[in-house]
Amino acid sequence: VPDYSKIIKNARENRKLSQKDLAFKINEKESVIHRLETESMSPSYTLAKKLEKALEIKIIDKISEVEIPKLDTDSKNLTIGDIIKIKKK
């Protein structure tokens, strides 16, 4: 979500939590919370999930499903070139 920093800060402030309190609640450093709120860093997926749970917010966009071609599992001679071709599709 593009506005993740505002969402995190507003949710934290609405719960009357300091950055230190939130950091303790999700087992992170206070500096991590500060960097998130100032957009100095983006949250990893794991960190975003912890924040969503602790603050009851939604900051992870759903990723649309991507069709992944099925590999021929009978082939024992799969090369890196085959993998690159699959990835480019």
PDB file of N, CA and C in Angstrom:
ATOM      1  N   VAL A   1       0.854  -1.178   0.000  1.00  0.00           N
ATOM      2  CA  VAL A   1       0.000   0.000   0.000  1.00  0.00           C
ATOM      3  C   VAL A   1       0.897   1.238   0.000  1.00  0.00           C
ATOM      4  N   PRO A   2       0.651   2.171  -0.884  1.00  0.00           N
ATOM      5  CA  PRO A   2       1.517   3.347  -0.986  1.00  0.00           C
ATOM      6  C   PRO A   2       1.589   4.198   0.289  1.00  0.00           C
ATOM      7  N   ASP A   3       0.491   4.334   1.022  1.00  0.00           N
ATOM      8  CA  ASP A   3       0.462   5.198   2.212  1.00  0.00           C
ATOM      9  C   ASP A   3       0.762   4.434   3.496  1.00  0.00           C
ATOM     10  N   TYR A   4       1.558   3.381   3.415  1.00  0.00           N
ATOM     11  CA  TYR A   4       1.764   2.527   4.587  1.00  0.00           C
ATOM     12  C   TYR A   4       2.258   3.300   5.804  1.00  0.00           C
ATOM     13  N   SER A   5       3.108   4.307   5.596  1.00  0.00           N
ATOM     14  CA  SER A   5       3.675   5.036   6.737  1.00  0.00           C
ATOM     15  C   SER A   5       2.592   5.790   7.509  1.00  0.00           C
ATOM     16  N   LYS A   6       1.683   6.434   6.792  1.00  0.00           N
ATOM     17  CA  LYS A   6       0.591   7.168   7.443  1.00  0.00           C
ATOM     18  C   LYS A   6      -0.367   6.212   8.141  1.00  0.00           C
ATOM     19  N   ILE A   7      -0.651   5.092   7.494  1.00  0.00           N
ATOM     20  CA  ILE A   7      -1.564   4.104   8.078  1.00  0.00           C
ATOM     21  C   ILE A   7      -0.993   3.578   9.390  1.00  0.00           C
ATOM     22  N   ILE A   8       0.291   3.237   9.385  1.00  0.00           N
ATOM     23  CA  ILE A   8       0.942   2.709  10.589  1.00  0.00           C
ATOM     24  C   ILE A   8       0.938   3.761  11.696  1.00  0.00           C
ATOM     25  N   LYS A   9       1.357   4.965  11.360  1.00  0.00           N
ATOM     26  CA  LYS A   9       1.447   6.025  12.371  1.00  0.00           C
ATOM     27  C   LYS A   9       0.074   6.359  12.955  1.00  0.00           C
ATOM     28  N   ASN A  10      -0.935   6.516  12.095  1.00  0.00           N
ATOM     29  CA  ASN A  10      -2.279   6.837  12.577  1.00  0.00           C
ATOM     30  C   ASN A  10      -2.836   5.729  13.461  1.00  0.00           C
ATOM     31  N   ALA A  11      -2.655   4.483  13.054  1.00  0.00           N
ATOM     32  CA  ALA A  11      -3.154   3.360  13.848  1.00  0.00           C
ATOM     33  C   ALA A  11      -2.443   3.300  15.196  1.00  0.00           C
ATOM     34  N   ARG A  12      -1.146   3.530  15.181  1.00  0.00           N
ATOM     35  CA  ARG A  12      -0.378   3.517  16.439  1.00  0.00           C
ATOM     36  C   ARG A  12      -0.848   4.630  17.366  1.00  0.00           C
ATOM     37  N   GLU A  13      -0.995   5.829  16.823  1.00  0.00           N
ATOM     38  CA  GLU A  13      -1.421   6.969  17.638  1.00  0.00           C
ATOM     39  C   GLU A  13      -2.853   6.805  18.145  1.00  0.00           C
ATOM     40  N   ASN A  14      -3.736   6.230  17.334  1.00  0.00           N
ATOM     41  CA  ASN A  14      -5.122   5.990  17.760  1.00  0.00           C
ATOM     42  C   ASN A  14      -5.186   5.015  18.932  1.00  0.00           C
ATOM     43  N   ARG A  15      -4.214   4.136  19.016  1.00  0.00           N
ATOM     44  CA  ARG A  15      -4.152   3.173  20.125  1.00  0.00           C
ATOM     45  C   ARG A  15      -3.319   3.710  21.289  1.00  0.00           C
ATOM     46  N   LYS A  16      -2.908   4.966  21.153  1.00  0.00           N
ATOM     47  CA  LYS A  16      -2.103   5.645  22.186  1.00  0.00           C
ATOM     48  C   LYS A  16      -0.836   4.856  22.538  1.00  0.00           C
ATOM     49  N   LEU A  17      -0.202   4.335  21.490  1.00  0.00           N
ATOM     50  CA  LEU A  17       1.057   3.610  21.658  1.00  0.00           C
ATOM     51  C   LEU A  17       2.205   4.505  21.215  1.00  0.00           C
ATOM     52  N   SER A  18       3.294   4.458  21.949  1.00  0.00           N
ATOM     53  CA  SER A  18       4.505   5.137  21.494  1.00  0.00           C
ATOM     54  C   SER A  18       5.188   4.218  20.484  1.00  0.00           C
ATOM     55  N   GLN A  19       6.168   4.748  19.792  1.00  0.00           N
ATOM     56  CA  GLN A  19       6.937   3.899  18.872  1.00  0.00           C
ATOM     57  C   GLN A  19       7.600   2.771  19.652  1.00  0.00           C
ATOM     58  N   LYS A  20       8.063   3.093  20.845  1.00  0.00           N
ATOM     59  CA  LYS A  20       8.721   2.096  21.693  1.00  0.00           C
ATOM     60  C   LYS A  20       7.736   0.993  22.089  1.00  0.00           C
ATOM     61  N   ASP A  21       6.502   1.371  22.448  1.00  0.00           N
ATOM     62  CA  ASP A  21       5.485   0.388  22.836  1.00  0.00           C
ATOM     63  C   ASP A  21       5.152  -0.549  21.678  1.00  0.00           C
ATOM     64  N   LEU A  22       4.968   0.031  20.494  1.00  0.00           N
ATOM     65  CA  LEU A  22       4.647  -0.786  19.325  1.00  0.00           C
ATOM     66  C   LEU A  22       5.803  -1.718  18.990  1.00  0.00           C
ATOM     67  N   ALA A  23       7.004  -1.195  19.054  1.00  0.00           N
ATOM     68  CA  ALA A  23       8.185  -2.014  18.770  1.00  0.00           C
ATOM     69  C   ALA A  23       8.240  -3.211  19.717  1.00  0.00           C
ATOM     70  N   PHE A  24       7.982  -2.970  20.992  1.00  0.00           N
ATOM     71  CA  PHE A  24       7.989  -4.047  21.981  1.00  0.00           C
ATOM     72  C   PHE A  24       6.897  -5.069  21.661  1.00  0.00           C
ATOM     73  N   LYS A  25       5.732  -4.576  21.289  1.00  0.00           N
ATOM     74  CA  LYS A  25       4.579  -5.437  21.006  1.00  0.00           C
ATOM     75  C   LYS A  25       4.839  -6.391  19.838  1.00  0.00           C
ATOM     76  N   ILE A  26       5.592  -5.926  18.848  1.00  0.00           N
ATOM     77  CA  ILE A  26       5.853  -6.780  17.675  1.00  0.00           C
ATOM     78  C   ILE A  26       7.281  -7.329  17.654  1.00  0.00           C
ATOM     79  N   ASN A  27       7.995  -7.122  18.760  1.00  0.00           N
ATOM     80  CA  ASN A  27       9.347  -7.664  18.910  1.00  0.00           C
ATOM     81  C   ASN A  27      10.320  -7.122  17.854  1.00  0.00           C
ATOM     82  N   GLU A  28      10.300  -5.808  17.702  1.00  0.00           N
ATOM     83  CA  GLU A  28      11.211  -5.124  16.785  1.00  0.00           C
ATOM     84  C   GLU A  28      11.871  -3.972  17.530  1.00  0.00           C
ATOM     85  N   LYS A  29      12.858  -3.355  16.900  1.00  0.00           N
ATOM     86  CA  LYS A  29      13.515  -2.193  17.499  1.00  0.00           C
ATOM     87  C   LYS A  29      12.674  -0.942  17.246  1.00  0.00           C
ATOM     88  N   GLU A  30      12.770  -0.003  18.170  1.00  0.00           N
ATOM     89  CA  GLU A  30      12.058   1.266  18.026  1.00  0.00           C
ATOM     90  C   GLU A  30      12.473   1.978  16.739  1.00  0.00           C
ATOM     91  N   SER A  31      13.740   1.856  16.378  1.00  0.00           N
ATOM     92  CA  SER A  31      14.237   2.513  15.162  1.00  0.00           C
ATOM     93  C   SER A  31      13.543   1.981  13.907  1.00  0.00           C
ATOM     94  N   VAL A  32      13.133   0.725  13.926  1.00  0.00           N
ATOM     95  CA  VAL A  32      12.421   0.145  12.783  1.00  0.00           C
ATOM     96  C   VAL A  32      11.077   0.851  12.612  1.00  0.00           C
ATOM     97  N   ILE A  33      10.375   1.061  13.713  1.00  0.00           N
ATOM     98  CA  ILE A  33       9.082   1.747  13.657  1.00  0.00           C
ATOM     99  C   ILE A  33       9.275   3.177  13.142  1.00  0.00           C
ATOM    100  N   HIS A  34      10.292   3.843  13.651  1.00  0.00           N
ATOM    101  CA  HIS A  34      10.580   5.212  13.208  1.00  0.00           C
ATOM    102  C   HIS A  34      10.863   5.250  11.703  1.00  0.00           C
ATOM    103  N   ARG A  35      11.685   4.324  11.228  1.00  0.00           N
ATOM    104  CA  ARG A  35      12.027   4.306   9.797  1.00  0.00           C
ATOM    105  C   ARG A  35      10.810   3.993   8.932  1.00  0.00           C
ATOM    106  N   LEU A  36       9.918   3.133   9.430  1.00  0.00           N
ATOM    107  CA  LEU A  36       8.695   2.834   8.682  1.00  0.00           C
ATOM    108  C   LEU A  36       7.805   4.069   8.580  1.00  0.00           C
ATOM    109  N   GLU A  37       7.658   4.764   9.702  1.00  0.00           N
ATOM    110  CA  GLU A  37       6.768   5.924   9.739  1.00  0.00           C
ATOM    111  C   GLU A  37       7.316   7.116   8.959  1.00  0.00           C
ATOM    112  N   THR A  38       8.608   7.150   8.739  1.00  0.00           N
ATOM    113  CA  THR A  38       9.204   8.233   7.948  1.00  0.00           C
ATOM    114  C   THR A  38       9.527   7.783   6.524  1.00  0.00           C
ATOM    115  N   GLU A  39       9.088   6.589   6.181  1.00  0.00           N
ATOM    116  CA  GLU A  39       9.319   5.980   4.865  1.00  0.00           C
ATOM    117  C   GLU A  39      10.794   5.848   4.521  1.00  0.00           C
ATOM    118  N   SER A  40      11.629   5.716   5.543  1.00  0.00           N
ATOM    119  CA  SER A  40      13.052   5.452   5.311  1.00  0.00           C
ATOM    120  C   SER A  40      13.274   3.994   4.948  1.00  0.00           C
ATOM    121  N   MET A  41      12.275   3.167   5.245  1.00  0.00           N
ATOM    122  CA  MET A  41      12.335   1.759   4.854  1.00  0.00           C
ATOM    123  C   MET A  41      10.921   1.269   4.590  1.00  0.00           C
ATOM    124  N   SER A  42      10.828   0.239   3.769  1.00  0.00           N
ATOM    125  CA  SER A  42       9.553  -0.419   3.514  1.00  0.00           C
ATOM    126  C   SER A  42       9.508  -1.690   4.345  1.00  0.00           C
ATOM    127  N   PRO A  43       8.340  -2.062   4.837  1.00  0.00           N
ATOM    128  CA  PRO A  43       8.271  -3.279   5.649  1.00  0.00           C
ATOM    129  C   PRO A  43       8.408  -4.531   4.791  1.00  0.00           C
ATOM    130  N   SER A  44       9.084  -5.515   5.328  1.00  0.00           N
ATOM    131  CA  SER A  44       9.115  -6.824   4.675  1.00  0.00           C
ATOM    132  C   SER A  44       7.724  -7.430   4.823  1.00  0.00           C
ATOM    133  N   TYR A  45       7.478  -8.509   4.131  1.00  0.00           N
ATOM    134  CA  TYR A  45       6.175  -9.172   4.235  1.00  0.00           C
ATOM    135  C   TYR A  45       5.914  -9.609   5.675  1.00  0.00           C
ATOM    136  N   THR A  46       6.923 -10.189   6.313  1.00  0.00           N
ATOM    137  CA  THR A  46       6.782 -10.667   7.694  1.00  0.00           C
ATOM    138  C   THR A  46       6.488  -9.514   8.641  1.00  0.00           C
ATOM    139  N   LEU A  47       7.213  -8.428   8.502  1.00  0.00           N
ATOM    140  CA  LEU A  47       7.000  -7.263   9.356  1.00  0.00           C
ATOM    141  C   LEU A  47       5.617  -6.663   9.105  1.00  0.00           C
ATOM    142  N   ALA A  48       5.217  -6.592   7.854  1.00  0.00           N
ATOM    143  CA  ALA A  48       3.895  -6.051   7.523  1.00  0.00           C
ATOM    144  C   ALA A  48       2.794  -6.890   8.163  1.00  0.00           C
ATOM    145  N   LYS A  49       2.953  -8.208   8.144  1.00  0.00           N
ATOM    146  CA  LYS A  49       1.962  -9.087   8.780  1.00  0.00           C
ATOM    147  C   LYS A  49       1.900  -8.835  10.281  1.00  0.00           C
ATOM    148  N   LYS A  50       3.056  -8.651  10.924  1.00  0.00           N
ATOM    149  CA  LYS A  50       3.073  -8.366  12.364  1.00  0.00           C
ATOM    150  C   LYS A  50       2.366  -7.050  12.661  1.00  0.00           C
ATOM    151  N   LEU A  51       2.615  -6.040  11.840  1.00  0.00           N
ATOM    152  CA  LEU A  51       1.977  -4.737  12.029  1.00  0.00           C
ATOM    153  C   LEU A  51       0.469  -4.825  11.807  1.00  0.00           C
ATOM    154  N   GLU A  52       0.066  -5.549  10.778  1.00  0.00           N
ATOM    155  CA  GLU A  52      -1.363  -5.718  10.509  1.00  0.00           C
ATOM    156  C   GLU A  52      -2.073  -6.352  11.702  1.00  0.00           C
ATOM    157  N   LYS A  53      -1.451  -7.359  12.268  1.00  0.00           N
ATOM    158  CA  LYS A  53      -2.058  -8.064  13.402  1.00  0.00           C
ATOM    159  C   LYS A  53      -2.082  -7.179  14.652  1.00  0.00           C
ATOM    160  N   ALA A  54      -0.986  -6.511  14.939  1.00  0.00           N
ATOM    161  CA  ALA A  54      -0.884  -5.702  16.155  1.00  0.00           C
ATOM    162  C   ALA A  54      -1.767  -4.460  16.106  1.00  0.00           C
ATOM    163  N   LEU A  55      -1.881  -3.851  14.928  1.00  0.00           N
ATOM    164  CA  LEU A  55      -2.613  -2.589  14.807  1.00  0.00           C
ATOM    165  C   LEU A  55      -3.992  -2.744  14.164  1.00  0.00           C
ATOM    166  N   GLU A  56      -4.313  -3.971  13.758  1.00  0.00           N
ATOM    167  CA  GLU A  56      -5.590  -4.258  13.087  1.00  0.00           C
ATOM    168  C   GLU A  56      -5.779  -3.353  11.870  1.00  0.00           C
ATOM    169  N   ILE A  57      -4.773  -3.372  11.001  1.00  0.00           N
ATOM    170  CA  ILE A  57      -4.788  -2.564   9.783  1.00  0.00           C
ATOM    171  C   ILE A  57      -4.525  -3.463   8.585  1.00  0.00           C
ATOM    172  N   LYS A  58      -4.643  -2.903   7.394  1.00  0.00           N
ATOM    173  CA  LYS A  58      -4.359  -3.632   6.160  1.00  0.00           C
ATOM    174  C   LYS A  58      -3.331  -2.832   5.375  1.00  0.00           C
ATOM    175  N   ILE A  59      -2.113  -3.370   5.250  1.00  0.00           N
ATOM    176  CA  ILE A  59      -1.076  -2.670   4.479  1.00  0.00           C
ATOM    177  C   ILE A  59      -0.468  -3.538   3.387  1.00  0.00           C
ATOM    178  N   ILE A  60      -0.945  -4.763   3.265  1.00  0.00           N
ATOM    179  CA  ILE A  60      -0.432  -5.651   2.219  1.00  0.00           C
ATOM    180  C   ILE A  60      -1.470  -5.733   1.115  1.00  0.00           C
ATOM    181  N   ASP A  61      -1.070  -5.376  -0.095  1.00  0.00           N
ATOM    182  CA  ASP A  61      -1.944  -5.517  -1.254  1.00  0.00           C
ATOM    183  C   ASP A  61      -1.980  -6.973  -1.656  1.00  0.00           C
ATOM    184  N   LYS A  62      -3.150  -7.414  -2.077  1.00  0.00           N
ATOM    185  CA  LYS A  62      -3.235  -8.776  -2.592  1.00  0.00           C
ATOM    186  C   LYS A  62      -2.595  -8.798  -3.970  1.00  0.00           C
ATOM    187  N   ILE A  63      -1.793  -9.798  -4.191  1.00  0.00           N
ATOM    188  CA  ILE A  63      -1.123  -9.956  -5.477  1.00  0.00           C
ATOM    189  C   ILE A  63      -1.994 -10.867  -6.328  1.00  0.00           C
ATOM    190  N   SER A  64      -2.297 -10.425  -7.522  1.00  0.00           N
ATOM    191  CA  SER A  64      -3.125 -11.252  -8.388  1.00  0.00           C
ATOM    192  C   SER A  64      -2.373 -12.525  -8.743  1.00  0.00           C
ATOM    193  N   GLU A  65      -3.140 -13.577  -8.893  1.00  0.00           N
ATOM    194  CA  GLU A  65      -2.516 -14.865  -9.187  1.00  0.00           C
ATOM    195  C   GLU A  65      -1.880 -14.825 -10.567  1.00  0.00           C
ATOM    196  N   VAL A  66      -0.714 -15.377 -10.655  1.00  0.00           N
ATOM    197  CA  VAL A  66       0.012 -15.442 -11.911  1.00  0.00           C
ATOM    198  C   VAL A  66       0.040 -16.901 -12.339  1.00  0.00           C
ATOM    199  N   GLU A  67      -0.296 -17.136 -13.574  1.00  0.00           N
ATOM    200  CA  GLU A  67      -0.290 -18.509 -14.058  1.00  0.00           C
ATOM    201  C   GLU A  67       1.145 -18.958 -14.284  1.00  0.00           C
ATOM    202  N   ILE A  68       1.504 -20.054 -13.648  1.00  0.00           N
ATOM    203  CA  ILE A  68       2.849 -20.603 -13.777  1.00  0.00           C
ATOM    204  C   ILE A  68       2.746 -21.860 -14.629  1.00  0.00           C
ATOM    205  N   PRO A  69       3.481 -21.903 -15.711  1.00  0.00           N
ATOM    206  CA  PRO A  69       3.392 -23.078 -16.576  1.00  0.00           C
ATOM    207  C   PRO A  69       3.902 -24.324 -15.865  1.00  0.00           C
ATOM    208  N   LYS A  70       3.237 -25.439 -16.148  1.00  0.00           N
ATOM    209  CA  LYS A  70       3.627 -26.702 -15.536  1.00  0.00           C
ATOM    210  C   LYS A  70       4.844 -27.259 -16.268  1.00  0.00           C
ATOM    211  N   LEU A  71       5.806 -27.685 -15.491  1.00  0.00           N
ATOM    212  CA  LEU A  71       7.010 -28.276 -16.068  1.00  0.00           C
ATOM    213  C   LEU A  71       6.760 -29.729 -16.419  1.00  0.00           C
ATOM    214  N   ASP A  72       7.452 -30.189 -17.425  1.00  0.00           N
ATOM    215  CA  ASP A  72       7.403 -31.600 -17.775  1.00  0.00           C
ATOM    216  C   ASP A  72       8.222 -32.343 -16.732  1.00  0.00           C
ATOM    217  N   THR A  73       7.537 -32.960 -15.773  1.00  0.00           N
ATOM    218  CA  THR A  73       8.240 -33.594 -14.658  1.00  0.00           C
ATOM    219  C   THR A  73       8.937 -34.882 -15.066  1.00  0.00           C
ATOM    220  N   ASP A  74       8.594 -35.403 -16.245  1.00  0.00           N
ATOM    221  CA  ASP A  74       9.264 -36.620 -16.700  1.00  0.00           C
ATOM    222  C   ASP A  74      10.671 -36.326 -17.216  1.00  0.00           C
ATOM    223  N   SER A  75      10.910 -35.075 -17.582  1.00  0.00           N
ATOM    224  CA  SER A  75      12.205 -34.700 -18.126  1.00  0.00           C
ATOM    225  C   SER A  75      13.229 -34.593 -17.003  1.00  0.00           C
ATOM    226  N   LYS A  76      14.296 -35.344 -17.131  1.00  0.00           N
ATOM    227  CA  LYS A  76      15.359 -35.299 -16.127  1.00  0.00           C
ATOM    228  C   LYS A  76      16.498 -34.408 -16.582  1.00  0.00           C
ATOM    229  N   ASN A  77      16.365 -33.823 -17.759  1.00  0.00           N
ATOM    230  CA  ASN A  77      17.431 -32.999 -18.314  1.00  0.00           C
ATOM    231  C   ASN A  77      17.027 -31.528 -18.370  1.00  0.00           C
ATOM    232  N   LEU A  78      16.465 -31.019 -17.316  1.00  0.00           N
ATOM    233  CA  LEU A  78      16.071 -29.618 -17.255  1.00  0.00           C
ATOM    234  C   LEU A  78      17.324 -28.761 -17.118  1.00  0.00           C
ATOM    235  N   THR A  79      17.431 -27.765 -17.991  1.00  0.00           N
ATOM    236  CA  THR A  79      18.610 -26.900 -17.966  1.00  0.00           C
ATOM    237  C   THR A  79      18.235 -25.520 -17.441  1.00  0.00           C
ATOM    238  N   ILE A  80      19.239 -24.730 -17.138  1.00  0.00           N
ATOM    239  CA  ILE A  80      18.991 -23.355 -16.703  1.00  0.00           C
ATOM    240  C   ILE A  80      18.298 -22.588 -17.825  1.00  0.00           C
ATOM    241  N   GLY A  81      18.653 -22.872 -19.061  1.00  0.00           N
ATOM    242  CA  GLY A  81      18.002 -22.233 -20.204  1.00  0.00           C
ATOM    243  C   GLY A  81      16.513 -22.517 -20.235  1.00  0.00           C
ATOM    244  N   ASP A  82      16.121 -23.751 -19.889  1.00  0.00           N
ATOM    245  CA  ASP A  82      14.700 -24.099 -19.822  1.00  0.00           C
ATOM    246  C   ASP A  82      13.994 -23.265 -18.761  1.00  0.00           C
ATOM    247  N   ILE A  83      14.643 -23.083 -17.637  1.00  0.00           N
ATOM    248  CA  ILE A  83      14.058 -22.309 -16.542  1.00  0.00           C
ATOM    249  C   ILE A  83      13.912 -20.851 -16.955  1.00  0.00           C
ATOM    250  N   ILE A  84      14.905 -20.309 -17.639  1.00  0.00           N
ATOM    251  CA  ILE A  84      14.842 -18.916 -18.089  1.00  0.00           C
ATOM    252  C   ILE A  84      13.699 -18.734 -19.078  1.00  0.00           C
ATOM    253  N   LYS A  85      13.521 -19.684 -19.986  1.00  0.00           N
ATOM    254  CA  LYS A  85      12.427 -19.604 -20.950  1.00  0.00           C
ATOM    255  C   LYS A  85      11.091 -19.595 -20.228  1.00  0.00           C
ATOM    256  N   ILE A  86      10.951 -20.434 -19.219  1.00  0.00           N
ATOM    257  CA  ILE A  86       9.707 -20.508 -18.454  1.00  0.00           C
ATOM    258  C   ILE A  86       9.465 -19.190 -17.744  1.00  0.00           C
ATOM    259  N   LYS A  87      10.497 -18.622 -17.138  1.00  0.00           N
ATOM    260  CA  LYS A  87      10.356 -17.372 -16.391  1.00  0.00           C
ATOM    261  C   LYS A  87       9.963 -16.221 -17.312  1.00  0.00           C
ATOM    262  N   LYS A  88      10.495 -16.187 -18.540  1.00  0.00           N
ATOM    263  CA  LYS A  88      10.195 -15.104 -19.476  1.00  0.00           C
ATOM    264  C   LYS A  88       8.754 -15.156 -19.960  1.00  0.00           C
ATOM    265  N   LYS A  89       8.132 -16.337 -19.965  1.00  0.00           N
ATOM    266  CA  LYS A  89       6.740 -16.469 -20.419  1.00  0.00           C
ATOM    267  C   LYS A  89       5.871 -15.814 -19.440  1.00  0.00           C
TER     268      LYS A  89
END
